[in-house]
N, C-alpha and C. Protein backbone atom coordinates (compact mmCIF):
# COMPACT_ATOMS: atom_id res chain seq x y z
N MET A 1 -111.82 8.91 42.83
CA MET A 1 -110.61 9.17 42.04
C MET A 1 -109.57 9.92 42.87
N ARG A 2 -110.06 10.94 43.63
CA ARG A 2 -109.16 11.72 44.47
C ARG A 2 -108.52 10.84 45.54
N LYS A 3 -109.34 9.94 46.12
CA LYS A 3 -108.83 9.05 47.15
C LYS A 3 -107.76 8.12 46.58
N THR A 4 -107.99 7.62 45.37
CA THR A 4 -107.02 6.74 44.72
C THR A 4 -105.71 7.47 44.46
N THR A 5 -105.79 8.73 44.02
CA THR A 5 -104.59 9.53 43.76
C THR A 5 -103.78 9.73 45.03
N ILE A 6 -104.48 10.00 46.13
CA ILE A 6 -103.81 10.21 47.40
C ILE A 6 -103.10 8.94 47.86
N VAL A 7 -103.76 7.79 47.66
CA VAL A 7 -103.16 6.51 48.04
C VAL A 7 -101.89 6.26 47.24
N ILE A 8 -101.96 6.53 45.93
CA ILE A 8 -100.80 6.31 45.06
C ILE A 8 -99.64 7.23 45.48
N MET A 9 -99.97 8.51 45.73
CA MET A 9 -98.93 9.46 46.15
C MET A 9 -98.31 9.05 47.48
N THR A 10 -99.14 8.53 48.38
CA THR A 10 -98.63 8.08 49.68
C THR A 10 -97.67 6.92 49.51
N ILE A 11 -98.02 5.98 48.61
CA ILE A 11 -97.13 4.84 48.34
C ILE A 11 -95.82 5.32 47.74
N MET A 12 -95.91 6.26 46.78
CA MET A 12 -94.70 6.79 46.16
C MET A 12 -93.83 7.49 47.18
N LEU A 13 -94.47 8.25 48.07
CA LEU A 13 -93.73 8.96 49.11
C LEU A 13 -93.01 7.98 50.02
N THR A 14 -93.69 6.90 50.38
CA THR A 14 -93.09 5.88 51.24
C THR A 14 -91.88 5.24 50.59
N VAL A 15 -91.99 4.93 49.30
CA VAL A 15 -90.88 4.31 48.56
C VAL A 15 -89.70 5.27 48.47
N LEU A 16 -89.99 6.55 48.20
CA LEU A 16 -88.92 7.54 48.07
C LEU A 16 -88.21 7.75 49.39
N VAL A 17 -88.96 7.81 50.46
CA VAL A 17 -88.35 8.00 51.78
C VAL A 17 -87.45 6.83 52.12
N SER A 18 -87.90 5.61 51.82
CA SER A 18 -87.08 4.43 52.10
C SER A 18 -85.82 4.43 51.26
N THR A 19 -85.89 4.97 50.03
CA THR A 19 -84.73 5.04 49.15
C THR A 19 -83.73 6.06 49.67
N VAL A 20 -84.25 7.25 50.03
CA VAL A 20 -83.38 8.30 50.53
C VAL A 20 -82.74 7.90 51.86
N SER A 21 -83.47 7.15 52.67
CA SER A 21 -82.98 6.73 53.99
C SER A 21 -82.31 5.36 53.93
N ALA A 22 -81.66 5.07 52.80
CA ALA A 22 -81.03 3.77 52.62
C ALA A 22 -79.89 3.58 53.60
N ASP A 23 -79.50 2.31 53.80
CA ASP A 23 -78.40 2.01 54.69
C ASP A 23 -77.12 2.69 54.21
N MET A 24 -76.26 3.01 55.17
CA MET A 24 -75.00 3.65 54.82
C MET A 24 -74.07 2.67 54.12
N VAL A 25 -73.23 3.21 53.26
CA VAL A 25 -72.25 2.41 52.52
C VAL A 25 -70.87 3.02 52.78
N VAL A 26 -69.83 2.23 52.50
CA VAL A 26 -68.47 2.71 52.66
C VAL A 26 -68.12 3.61 51.48
N LEU A 27 -67.77 4.85 51.77
CA LEU A 27 -67.44 5.82 50.73
C LEU A 27 -65.94 5.85 50.45
N ALA A 28 -65.15 5.62 51.47
CA ALA A 28 -63.70 5.61 51.34
C ALA A 28 -63.13 4.89 52.56
N GLY A 29 -61.90 4.38 52.43
CA GLY A 29 -61.32 3.70 53.56
C GLY A 29 -60.02 3.01 53.23
N SER A 30 -59.40 2.47 54.26
CA SER A 30 -58.12 1.80 54.08
C SER A 30 -58.26 0.54 53.23
N THR A 31 -59.37 -0.19 53.42
CA THR A 31 -59.61 -1.40 52.63
C THR A 31 -61.04 -1.46 52.09
N MET A 32 -61.80 -0.36 52.21
CA MET A 32 -63.18 -0.29 51.76
C MET A 32 -64.05 -1.33 52.44
N GLU A 33 -63.76 -1.61 53.72
CA GLU A 33 -64.55 -2.53 54.51
C GLU A 33 -65.03 -1.83 55.78
N SER A 34 -66.17 -2.27 56.29
CA SER A 34 -66.69 -1.75 57.54
C SER A 34 -67.10 -2.92 58.44
N PRO A 35 -66.52 -3.01 59.64
CA PRO A 35 -65.45 -2.16 60.18
C PRO A 35 -64.12 -2.46 59.49
N PRO A 36 -63.20 -1.51 59.48
CA PRO A 36 -61.93 -1.72 58.78
C PRO A 36 -61.02 -2.68 59.54
N PRO A 37 -60.46 -3.69 58.88
CA PRO A 37 -59.51 -4.59 59.56
C PRO A 37 -58.22 -3.85 59.88
N PHE A 38 -57.53 -4.27 60.96
CA PHE A 38 -56.31 -3.55 61.36
C PHE A 38 -55.27 -4.50 61.92
N TRP A 39 -54.03 -4.02 61.91
CA TRP A 39 -52.92 -4.74 62.51
C TRP A 39 -52.80 -4.34 63.97
N GLU A 40 -52.63 -5.30 64.85
CA GLU A 40 -52.38 -4.99 66.24
C GLU A 40 -50.91 -4.60 66.43
N ASP A 41 -50.69 -3.64 67.32
CA ASP A 41 -49.34 -3.19 67.69
C ASP A 41 -48.58 -2.54 66.55
N SER A 42 -49.26 -2.22 65.45
CA SER A 42 -48.64 -1.47 64.36
C SER A 42 -49.47 -0.22 64.14
N PHE A 43 -48.85 0.93 64.19
CA PHE A 43 -49.64 2.16 64.18
C PHE A 43 -48.81 3.36 63.78
N TRP A 44 -49.51 4.45 63.48
CA TRP A 44 -48.93 5.78 63.38
C TRP A 44 -49.39 6.53 64.62
N GLY A 45 -48.50 7.20 65.32
CA GLY A 45 -48.85 7.92 66.53
C GLY A 45 -49.39 9.31 66.24
N LEU A 46 -50.42 9.69 66.98
CA LEU A 46 -50.97 11.04 66.93
C LEU A 46 -50.69 11.69 68.28
N THR A 47 -50.13 12.90 68.27
CA THR A 47 -49.88 13.62 69.50
C THR A 47 -50.40 15.05 69.35
N SER A 48 -50.24 15.84 70.40
CA SER A 48 -50.70 17.24 70.33
C SER A 48 -49.85 18.05 69.36
N ASN A 49 -48.72 17.49 68.90
CA ASN A 49 -47.85 18.22 67.98
C ASN A 49 -47.67 17.52 66.64
N ILE A 50 -48.30 16.35 66.48
CA ILE A 50 -48.16 15.62 65.22
C ILE A 50 -49.53 15.22 64.69
N GLU A 51 -49.82 15.63 63.46
CA GLU A 51 -51.04 15.25 62.76
C GLU A 51 -50.68 14.39 61.56
N ARG A 52 -51.60 13.51 61.19
CA ARG A 52 -51.38 12.64 60.03
C ARG A 52 -52.62 12.67 59.15
N ALA A 53 -52.42 12.46 57.85
CA ALA A 53 -53.55 12.57 56.92
C ALA A 53 -53.38 11.61 55.75
N TYR A 54 -54.53 11.15 55.25
CA TYR A 54 -54.55 10.26 54.08
C TYR A 54 -55.46 10.85 53.01
N ARG A 55 -54.97 10.84 51.81
CA ARG A 55 -55.73 11.36 50.67
C ARG A 55 -56.68 10.29 50.15
N PHE A 56 -57.89 10.70 49.75
CA PHE A 56 -58.84 9.74 49.19
C PHE A 56 -59.78 10.44 48.21
N GLU A 57 -60.45 9.65 47.41
CA GLU A 57 -61.49 10.14 46.52
C GLU A 57 -62.74 9.30 46.73
N LEU A 58 -63.89 9.88 46.48
CA LEU A 58 -65.16 9.18 46.66
C LEU A 58 -65.24 7.99 45.72
N GLU A 59 -65.55 6.82 46.26
CA GLU A 59 -65.67 5.60 45.46
C GLU A 59 -67.08 5.47 44.88
N SER A 60 -67.55 6.52 44.26
CA SER A 60 -68.88 6.52 43.65
C SER A 60 -68.96 7.67 42.66
N SER A 61 -69.81 7.53 41.66
CA SER A 61 -70.01 8.61 40.68
C SER A 61 -71.12 9.56 41.11
N ILE A 62 -71.73 9.29 42.26
CA ILE A 62 -72.86 10.07 42.76
C ILE A 62 -72.45 10.75 44.06
N PRO A 63 -72.79 12.03 44.26
CA PRO A 63 -72.47 12.70 45.53
C PRO A 63 -73.09 11.97 46.71
N HIS A 64 -72.36 11.96 47.82
CA HIS A 64 -72.84 11.32 49.04
C HIS A 64 -72.60 12.22 50.25
N TYR A 65 -73.47 12.05 51.25
CA TYR A 65 -73.23 12.69 52.54
C TYR A 65 -72.29 11.80 53.34
N ALA A 66 -71.22 12.37 53.88
CA ALA A 66 -70.38 11.64 54.83
C ALA A 66 -71.08 11.69 56.18
N LYS A 67 -71.32 10.54 56.78
CA LYS A 67 -72.10 10.47 58.01
C LYS A 67 -71.30 9.97 59.22
N GLU A 68 -70.42 9.02 58.99
CA GLU A 68 -69.76 8.36 60.13
C GLU A 68 -68.32 7.99 59.78
N LEU A 69 -67.46 8.04 60.79
CA LEU A 69 -66.07 7.62 60.63
C LEU A 69 -65.79 6.48 61.58
N GLN A 70 -65.14 5.44 61.07
CA GLN A 70 -64.68 4.32 61.90
C GLN A 70 -63.15 4.27 61.83
N ILE A 71 -62.51 4.11 62.98
CA ILE A 71 -61.05 3.97 63.02
C ILE A 71 -60.69 2.88 64.02
N ALA A 72 -59.43 2.44 63.96
CA ALA A 72 -58.90 1.52 64.96
C ALA A 72 -57.84 2.28 65.75
N ALA A 73 -57.97 2.29 67.08
CA ALA A 73 -57.04 3.08 67.89
C ALA A 73 -56.98 2.58 69.32
N TYR A 74 -55.91 2.98 70.02
CA TYR A 74 -55.75 2.70 71.44
C TYR A 74 -54.70 3.66 71.99
N HIS A 75 -54.48 3.65 73.30
CA HIS A 75 -53.38 4.42 73.86
C HIS A 75 -52.63 3.56 74.87
N TYR A 76 -51.41 3.97 75.17
CA TYR A 76 -50.57 3.21 76.10
C TYR A 76 -51.11 3.32 77.53
N GLU A 77 -50.79 2.33 78.33
CA GLU A 77 -51.13 2.40 79.74
C GLU A 77 -50.36 3.55 80.40
N ASN A 78 -50.99 4.15 81.40
CA ASN A 78 -50.37 5.25 82.16
C ASN A 78 -50.01 6.44 81.29
N MET A 79 -50.73 6.57 80.16
CA MET A 79 -50.52 7.73 79.30
C MET A 79 -51.88 8.23 78.82
N PRO A 80 -52.16 9.54 78.90
CA PRO A 80 -53.44 10.05 78.42
C PRO A 80 -53.57 9.89 76.91
N GLY A 81 -54.79 9.85 76.46
CA GLY A 81 -55.03 9.71 75.02
C GLY A 81 -56.38 9.08 74.77
N SER A 82 -57.41 9.54 75.51
CA SER A 82 -58.73 8.92 75.42
C SER A 82 -59.60 9.48 74.32
N SER A 83 -59.11 10.51 73.61
CA SER A 83 -59.91 11.09 72.52
C SER A 83 -59.01 11.56 71.40
N ALA A 84 -59.60 11.68 70.23
CA ALA A 84 -58.86 12.15 69.05
C ALA A 84 -59.81 12.93 68.15
N ASN A 85 -59.25 13.88 67.43
CA ASN A 85 -60.04 14.71 66.53
C ASN A 85 -59.68 14.38 65.08
N PHE A 86 -60.72 14.12 64.29
CA PHE A 86 -60.52 13.82 62.87
C PHE A 86 -61.36 14.79 62.03
N SER A 87 -60.91 14.99 60.82
CA SER A 87 -61.66 15.87 59.92
C SER A 87 -61.46 15.43 58.48
N ILE A 88 -62.46 15.74 57.65
CA ILE A 88 -62.34 15.57 56.21
C ILE A 88 -61.97 16.94 55.66
N ASN A 89 -60.86 16.99 54.95
CA ASN A 89 -60.35 18.27 54.44
C ASN A 89 -60.31 18.25 52.92
N LEU A 90 -60.53 19.41 52.33
CA LEU A 90 -60.36 19.55 50.90
C LEU A 90 -58.89 19.42 50.54
N ASP A 91 -58.61 19.04 49.32
CA ASP A 91 -57.23 18.97 48.84
C ASP A 91 -56.79 20.37 48.40
N ASP A 92 -55.63 20.78 48.87
CA ASP A 92 -55.08 22.09 48.53
C ASP A 92 -53.73 21.91 47.87
N ASP A 93 -53.78 21.72 46.56
CA ASP A 93 -52.55 21.57 45.78
C ASP A 93 -51.68 20.42 46.30
N GLY A 94 -52.34 19.28 46.58
CA GLY A 94 -51.59 18.09 46.95
C GLY A 94 -51.35 17.90 48.43
N GLU A 95 -51.96 18.76 49.27
CA GLU A 95 -51.84 18.58 50.71
C GLU A 95 -53.16 18.98 51.37
N PRO A 96 -53.35 18.61 52.65
CA PRO A 96 -54.62 18.92 53.31
C PRO A 96 -54.91 20.42 53.35
N GLY A 97 -56.16 20.76 53.01
CA GLY A 97 -56.58 22.15 53.02
C GLY A 97 -57.66 22.39 54.07
N GLN A 98 -58.71 23.09 53.67
CA GLN A 98 -59.77 23.47 54.61
C GLN A 98 -60.61 22.27 55.04
N ALA A 99 -60.94 22.22 56.32
CA ALA A 99 -61.79 21.16 56.87
C ALA A 99 -63.25 21.44 56.50
N ILE A 100 -63.97 20.39 56.09
CA ILE A 100 -65.38 20.54 55.74
C ILE A 100 -66.30 19.70 56.63
N GLY A 101 -65.72 18.85 57.45
CA GLY A 101 -66.50 18.02 58.37
C GLY A 101 -65.59 17.46 59.44
N GLU A 102 -66.08 17.40 60.68
CA GLU A 102 -65.24 16.94 61.78
C GLU A 102 -65.89 15.81 62.57
N PHE A 103 -65.03 14.97 63.16
CA PHE A 103 -65.47 13.84 63.98
C PHE A 103 -64.68 13.87 65.29
N ASN A 104 -65.35 13.65 66.40
CA ASN A 104 -64.67 13.59 67.69
C ASN A 104 -64.76 12.16 68.21
N ILE A 105 -63.65 11.46 68.14
CA ILE A 105 -63.59 10.07 68.61
C ILE A 105 -63.27 10.07 70.10
N THR A 106 -64.17 9.47 70.90
CA THR A 106 -63.95 9.39 72.34
C THR A 106 -63.96 7.93 72.78
N GLY A 107 -63.64 7.71 74.04
CA GLY A 107 -63.66 6.35 74.58
C GLY A 107 -62.48 5.49 74.17
N ILE A 108 -61.38 6.12 73.75
CA ILE A 108 -60.18 5.37 73.39
C ILE A 108 -59.54 4.82 74.67
N THR A 109 -59.24 3.54 74.67
CA THR A 109 -58.67 2.89 75.86
C THR A 109 -57.36 2.19 75.50
N THR A 110 -56.86 1.39 76.41
CA THR A 110 -55.64 0.62 76.14
C THR A 110 -55.93 -0.62 75.31
N THR A 111 -57.21 -0.87 75.05
CA THR A 111 -57.61 -2.00 74.19
C THR A 111 -57.64 -1.55 72.74
N GLN A 112 -57.00 -2.31 71.87
CA GLN A 112 -56.99 -2.00 70.45
C GLN A 112 -58.34 -2.40 69.85
N GLN A 113 -59.06 -1.43 69.34
CA GLN A 113 -60.43 -1.70 68.91
C GLN A 113 -60.90 -0.67 67.88
N ILE A 114 -62.06 -0.99 67.27
CA ILE A 114 -62.71 -0.08 66.33
C ILE A 114 -63.60 0.88 67.11
N LEU A 115 -63.45 2.17 66.82
CA LEU A 115 -64.30 3.19 67.42
C LEU A 115 -64.92 4.02 66.30
N SER A 116 -66.04 4.66 66.61
CA SER A 116 -66.72 5.43 65.56
C SER A 116 -67.29 6.73 66.11
N ALA A 117 -67.59 7.65 65.19
CA ALA A 117 -68.19 8.93 65.57
C ALA A 117 -68.97 9.46 64.38
N LYS A 118 -70.03 10.22 64.67
CA LYS A 118 -70.83 10.86 63.64
C LYS A 118 -70.21 12.20 63.26
N VAL A 119 -70.40 12.61 62.02
CA VAL A 119 -69.89 13.91 61.58
C VAL A 119 -70.68 15.01 62.28
N ASN A 120 -70.02 16.13 62.54
CA ASN A 120 -70.65 17.19 63.33
C ASN A 120 -71.44 18.19 62.49
N GLU A 121 -71.39 18.06 61.18
CA GLU A 121 -72.13 18.96 60.30
C GLU A 121 -72.33 18.29 58.94
N GLU A 122 -73.28 18.82 58.17
CA GLU A 122 -73.54 18.23 56.86
C GLU A 122 -72.30 18.33 55.98
N THR A 123 -71.85 17.19 55.46
CA THR A 123 -70.63 17.14 54.65
C THR A 123 -70.90 16.35 53.39
N VAL A 124 -70.80 17.00 52.25
CA VAL A 124 -71.08 16.36 50.96
C VAL A 124 -69.77 16.08 50.24
N LEU A 125 -69.60 14.84 49.80
CA LEU A 125 -68.43 14.44 49.03
C LEU A 125 -68.84 14.25 47.58
N HIS A 126 -68.01 14.77 46.66
CA HIS A 126 -68.33 14.73 45.23
C HIS A 126 -67.35 13.83 44.48
N SER A 127 -67.86 13.19 43.46
CA SER A 127 -67.04 12.33 42.61
C SER A 127 -65.99 13.17 41.88
N GLY A 128 -64.78 12.62 41.79
CA GLY A 128 -63.72 13.30 41.05
C GLY A 128 -62.93 14.30 41.86
N ALA A 129 -63.39 14.62 43.08
CA ALA A 129 -62.67 15.57 43.93
C ALA A 129 -61.78 14.81 44.91
N ALA A 130 -60.65 15.41 45.27
CA ALA A 130 -59.74 14.79 46.22
C ALA A 130 -59.96 15.37 47.61
N TYR A 131 -59.87 14.50 48.61
CA TYR A 131 -60.04 14.90 50.00
C TYR A 131 -58.94 14.26 50.84
N TRP A 132 -58.82 14.75 52.08
CA TRP A 132 -57.90 14.17 53.05
C TRP A 132 -58.64 13.85 54.33
N LEU A 133 -58.34 12.69 54.92
CA LEU A 133 -58.80 12.39 56.27
C LEU A 133 -57.64 12.72 57.19
N LEU A 134 -57.86 13.67 58.09
CA LEU A 134 -56.80 14.17 58.96
C LEU A 134 -57.08 13.80 60.41
N GLY A 135 -56.05 13.33 61.12
CA GLY A 135 -56.23 12.94 62.51
C GLY A 135 -55.21 13.56 63.43
N GLY A 136 -55.64 13.87 64.67
CA GLY A 136 -54.74 14.43 65.68
C GLY A 136 -55.38 14.30 67.04
N THR A 137 -54.68 14.71 68.07
CA THR A 137 -55.22 14.70 69.42
C THR A 137 -54.70 15.92 70.17
N SER A 138 -55.45 16.37 71.15
CA SER A 138 -55.06 17.57 71.88
C SER A 138 -54.18 17.28 73.09
N HIS A 139 -54.11 16.00 73.48
CA HIS A 139 -53.27 15.67 74.63
C HIS A 139 -52.87 14.20 74.58
N GLY A 140 -51.73 13.89 75.21
CA GLY A 140 -51.27 12.51 75.26
C GLY A 140 -50.87 11.99 73.88
N GLN A 141 -51.04 10.69 73.69
CA GLN A 141 -50.74 10.06 72.40
C GLN A 141 -51.82 9.02 72.09
N VAL A 142 -52.36 9.11 70.89
CA VAL A 142 -53.30 8.13 70.39
C VAL A 142 -52.59 7.32 69.31
N ASN A 143 -52.66 6.00 69.41
CA ASN A 143 -52.04 5.11 68.44
C ASN A 143 -53.09 4.68 67.42
N TRP A 144 -52.95 5.18 66.22
CA TRP A 144 -53.91 4.91 65.14
C TRP A 144 -53.42 3.68 64.39
N ASN A 145 -54.04 2.52 64.67
CA ASN A 145 -53.59 1.25 64.09
C ASN A 145 -53.54 1.30 62.57
N LEU A 146 -52.55 0.61 62.03
CA LEU A 146 -52.45 0.50 60.57
C LEU A 146 -53.50 -0.48 60.06
N GLY A 147 -53.96 -0.22 58.85
CA GLY A 147 -54.91 -1.12 58.23
C GLY A 147 -54.26 -2.43 57.85
N ASP A 148 -55.00 -3.51 57.92
CA ASP A 148 -54.49 -4.84 57.58
C ASP A 148 -54.22 -4.91 56.09
N MET A 149 -52.93 -5.00 55.72
CA MET A 149 -52.50 -5.08 54.32
C MET A 149 -52.99 -3.87 53.51
N ALA A 150 -53.02 -2.70 54.15
CA ALA A 150 -53.48 -1.48 53.46
C ALA A 150 -52.29 -0.57 53.17
N PHE A 151 -52.09 -0.28 51.88
CA PHE A 151 -50.98 0.57 51.47
C PHE A 151 -51.49 1.55 50.41
N THR A 152 -50.84 2.71 50.33
CA THR A 152 -51.16 3.64 49.26
C THR A 152 -50.71 3.04 47.93
N GLN A 153 -51.38 3.42 46.88
CA GLN A 153 -51.06 2.88 45.56
C GLN A 153 -50.19 3.83 44.73
N GLU A 154 -50.03 5.06 45.20
CA GLU A 154 -49.20 6.02 44.48
C GLU A 154 -48.67 7.05 45.47
N ALA A 155 -47.60 7.72 45.07
CA ALA A 155 -47.00 8.73 45.93
C ALA A 155 -47.97 9.89 46.14
N GLY A 156 -47.83 10.54 47.28
CA GLY A 156 -48.65 11.72 47.54
C GLY A 156 -49.95 11.47 48.25
N ASN A 157 -50.17 10.23 48.71
CA ASN A 157 -51.44 9.90 49.38
C ASN A 157 -51.34 9.88 50.90
N TYR A 158 -50.15 10.11 51.43
CA TYR A 158 -49.97 10.14 52.89
C TYR A 158 -49.18 11.39 53.25
N ALA A 159 -49.59 12.05 54.32
CA ALA A 159 -48.89 13.27 54.74
C ALA A 159 -48.91 13.38 56.26
N TYR A 160 -47.94 14.06 56.81
CA TYR A 160 -47.93 14.35 58.24
C TYR A 160 -47.29 15.73 58.44
N ARG A 161 -47.53 16.29 59.60
CA ARG A 161 -46.87 17.54 59.91
C ARG A 161 -46.62 17.66 61.41
N VAL A 162 -45.52 18.29 61.74
CA VAL A 162 -45.23 18.68 63.11
C VAL A 162 -45.82 20.08 63.26
N ILE A 163 -46.86 20.20 64.07
CA ILE A 163 -47.63 21.43 64.14
C ILE A 163 -46.76 22.64 64.46
N SER A 164 -45.79 22.46 65.34
CA SER A 164 -44.94 23.58 65.72
C SER A 164 -44.08 24.07 64.56
N GLU A 165 -43.91 23.22 63.54
CA GLU A 165 -43.12 23.62 62.37
C GLU A 165 -44.01 24.09 61.23
N GLY A 166 -45.29 23.67 61.24
CA GLY A 166 -46.26 24.24 60.31
C GLY A 166 -46.49 23.51 59.01
N ASP A 167 -45.45 23.17 58.25
CA ASP A 167 -45.62 22.64 56.90
C ASP A 167 -45.94 21.15 56.89
N TRP A 168 -46.77 20.77 55.91
CA TRP A 168 -47.07 19.35 55.70
C TRP A 168 -45.92 18.70 54.94
N ILE A 169 -45.62 17.47 55.28
CA ILE A 169 -44.63 16.67 54.56
C ILE A 169 -45.39 15.54 53.88
N VAL A 170 -45.42 15.55 52.57
CA VAL A 170 -46.17 14.57 51.79
C VAL A 170 -45.24 13.46 51.35
N SER A 171 -45.64 12.23 51.60
CA SER A 171 -44.80 11.09 51.27
C SER A 171 -44.59 10.97 49.77
N GLU A 172 -43.34 10.67 49.39
CA GLU A 172 -43.02 10.45 47.98
C GLU A 172 -42.99 8.96 47.65
N SER A 173 -43.29 8.14 48.66
CA SER A 173 -43.29 6.68 48.45
C SER A 173 -44.64 6.23 47.88
N SER A 174 -44.60 5.25 47.01
CA SER A 174 -45.83 4.71 46.44
C SER A 174 -46.35 3.53 47.24
N ARG A 175 -45.73 3.26 48.40
CA ARG A 175 -46.18 2.13 49.23
C ARG A 175 -46.09 2.49 50.71
N SER A 176 -46.79 3.52 51.10
CA SER A 176 -46.84 3.92 52.50
C SER A 176 -47.98 3.20 53.20
N ASN A 177 -47.77 2.84 54.46
CA ASN A 177 -48.84 2.20 55.23
C ASN A 177 -49.99 3.17 55.46
N ILE A 178 -51.22 2.66 55.42
CA ILE A 178 -52.41 3.45 55.70
C ILE A 178 -53.01 3.00 57.02
N SER A 179 -53.36 3.95 57.88
CA SER A 179 -54.05 3.59 59.12
C SER A 179 -55.46 3.12 58.80
N ALA A 180 -56.00 2.29 59.70
CA ALA A 180 -57.32 1.69 59.46
C ALA A 180 -58.43 2.73 59.64
N TYR A 181 -59.23 2.89 58.61
CA TYR A 181 -60.38 3.79 58.69
C TYR A 181 -61.42 3.44 57.65
N ALA A 182 -62.64 3.88 57.91
CA ALA A 182 -63.72 3.74 56.93
C ALA A 182 -64.65 4.95 57.12
N ILE A 183 -64.96 5.60 56.01
CA ILE A 183 -65.92 6.71 56.02
C ILE A 183 -67.22 6.19 55.42
N LEU A 184 -68.29 6.27 56.18
CA LEU A 184 -69.59 5.77 55.74
C LEU A 184 -70.53 6.94 55.45
N GLY A 185 -71.46 6.71 54.54
CA GLY A 185 -72.40 7.77 54.23
C GLY A 185 -73.57 7.29 53.40
N THR A 186 -74.40 8.23 52.99
CA THR A 186 -75.60 7.94 52.21
C THR A 186 -75.65 8.83 50.98
N GLN A 187 -76.37 8.38 49.99
CA GLN A 187 -76.47 9.11 48.72
C GLN A 187 -77.23 10.42 48.89
N VAL A 188 -76.76 11.45 48.22
CA VAL A 188 -77.47 12.73 48.19
C VAL A 188 -78.66 12.58 47.24
N PRO A 189 -79.90 12.88 47.69
CA PRO A 189 -81.06 12.73 46.82
C PRO A 189 -80.94 13.61 45.58
N GLU A 190 -81.38 13.09 44.45
CA GLU A 190 -81.40 13.88 43.23
C GLU A 190 -82.50 14.93 43.31
N PRO A 191 -82.36 16.05 42.58
CA PRO A 191 -83.37 17.11 42.63
C PRO A 191 -84.79 16.62 42.36
N ALA A 192 -84.94 15.68 41.42
CA ALA A 192 -86.28 15.17 41.10
C ALA A 192 -86.87 14.42 42.30
N THR A 193 -86.01 13.71 43.02
CA THR A 193 -86.47 12.98 44.21
C THR A 193 -86.94 13.95 45.28
N VAL A 194 -86.16 15.01 45.48
CA VAL A 194 -86.52 16.02 46.47
C VAL A 194 -87.85 16.67 46.10
N ALA A 195 -88.03 16.95 44.79
CA ALA A 195 -89.27 17.57 44.33
C ALA A 195 -90.47 16.66 44.58
N LEU A 196 -90.30 15.37 44.32
CA LEU A 196 -91.40 14.43 44.54
C LEU A 196 -91.71 14.28 46.02
N LEU A 197 -90.67 14.32 46.85
CA LEU A 197 -90.89 14.26 48.29
C LEU A 197 -91.70 15.47 48.75
N GLY A 198 -91.35 16.64 48.19
CA GLY A 198 -92.10 17.85 48.54
C GLY A 198 -93.53 17.77 48.07
N LEU A 199 -93.76 17.26 46.86
CA LEU A 199 -95.11 17.13 46.31
C LEU A 199 -95.92 16.15 47.15
N GLY A 200 -95.28 15.05 47.54
CA GLY A 200 -95.98 14.08 48.38
C GLY A 200 -96.38 14.68 49.71
N GLY A 201 -95.49 15.51 50.27
CA GLY A 201 -95.81 16.17 51.53
C GLY A 201 -96.98 17.11 51.39
N LEU A 202 -97.04 17.83 50.26
CA LEU A 202 -98.17 18.75 50.03
C LEU A 202 -99.48 18.00 49.90
N VAL A 203 -99.43 16.84 49.25
CA VAL A 203 -100.65 16.04 49.09
C VAL A 203 -101.16 15.59 50.46
N VAL A 204 -100.24 15.10 51.30
CA VAL A 204 -100.64 14.65 52.63
C VAL A 204 -101.18 15.82 53.45
N LEU A 205 -100.52 16.98 53.35
CA LEU A 205 -100.96 18.16 54.08
C LEU A 205 -102.34 18.60 53.62
N ARG A 206 -102.57 18.57 52.31
CA ARG A 206 -103.86 18.98 51.76
C ARG A 206 -104.95 18.02 52.22
N LYS A 207 -104.61 16.73 52.27
CA LYS A 207 -105.58 15.73 52.72
C LYS A 207 -105.98 15.99 54.17
N ARG A 208 -104.97 16.26 55.01
CA ARG A 208 -105.25 16.52 56.41
C ARG A 208 -106.07 17.80 56.58
N ARG A 209 -105.76 18.81 55.79
CA ARG A 209 -106.48 20.07 55.87
C ARG A 209 -107.93 19.90 55.46
N GLY A 210 -108.12 19.10 54.39
CA GLY A 210 -109.48 18.85 53.92
C GLY A 210 -110.29 18.09 54.95
N THR A 211 -109.64 17.13 55.61
CA THR A 211 -110.33 16.37 56.65
C THR A 211 -110.72 17.27 57.82
N PHE A 212 -109.81 18.19 58.18
CA PHE A 212 -110.07 19.09 59.29
C PHE A 212 -111.25 20.02 58.98
N LEU A 213 -111.25 20.57 57.74
CA LEU A 213 -112.31 21.48 57.35
C LEU A 213 -113.67 20.79 57.29
N SER A 214 -113.67 19.52 56.84
CA SER A 214 -114.92 18.79 56.73
C SER A 214 -115.55 18.48 58.08
N LYS A 215 -114.71 18.49 59.14
CA LYS A 215 -115.22 18.21 60.47
C LYS A 215 -115.77 19.46 61.18
N LYS A 216 -115.42 20.63 60.63
CA LYS A 216 -115.87 21.88 61.28
C LYS A 216 -117.33 22.17 60.99
């Protein structure tokens, strides 16, 4: 009976782990596609003095971990711009606020292409909350390609700022172009799932301990 219980718990643990470790899905993006389609030679420029940001909300009713960012970008020939810094920021009264997760995009070349980076810390996105994807670079100019047929649906979803001037300027247009991006992630396990995973781990640990003691 004990052996049967252990087998069942092991099967349950395996199923739960596979569920928690499910493939990543698109949480937000210019067109909710991965990789995001983009227009060639159409872009918003990022420089050491200009940042740009897009407002978004989680396209799910369940909290998710943000894991990866995909963007389309390139830089001009004979001009530096091989890396860019992106972050997910909380909404602060209609403009970008505190950063909660960062991505360092490297390997940007003169070829217009999709690049990706993993988030540098655990970042949880919640349903019903507003966030901003913010992009900039520390040197040169990075050209952040516009998304293919991607436009904001209402005013207040696009913002930029000249860093030396400080204040964000939020677009009042309901049809601003959106740069190509996709934020990918995985579902946050529910408390009951976490508890079952812990219980399954204890069962396996107890089994191993019992086997060890029986051999002594």
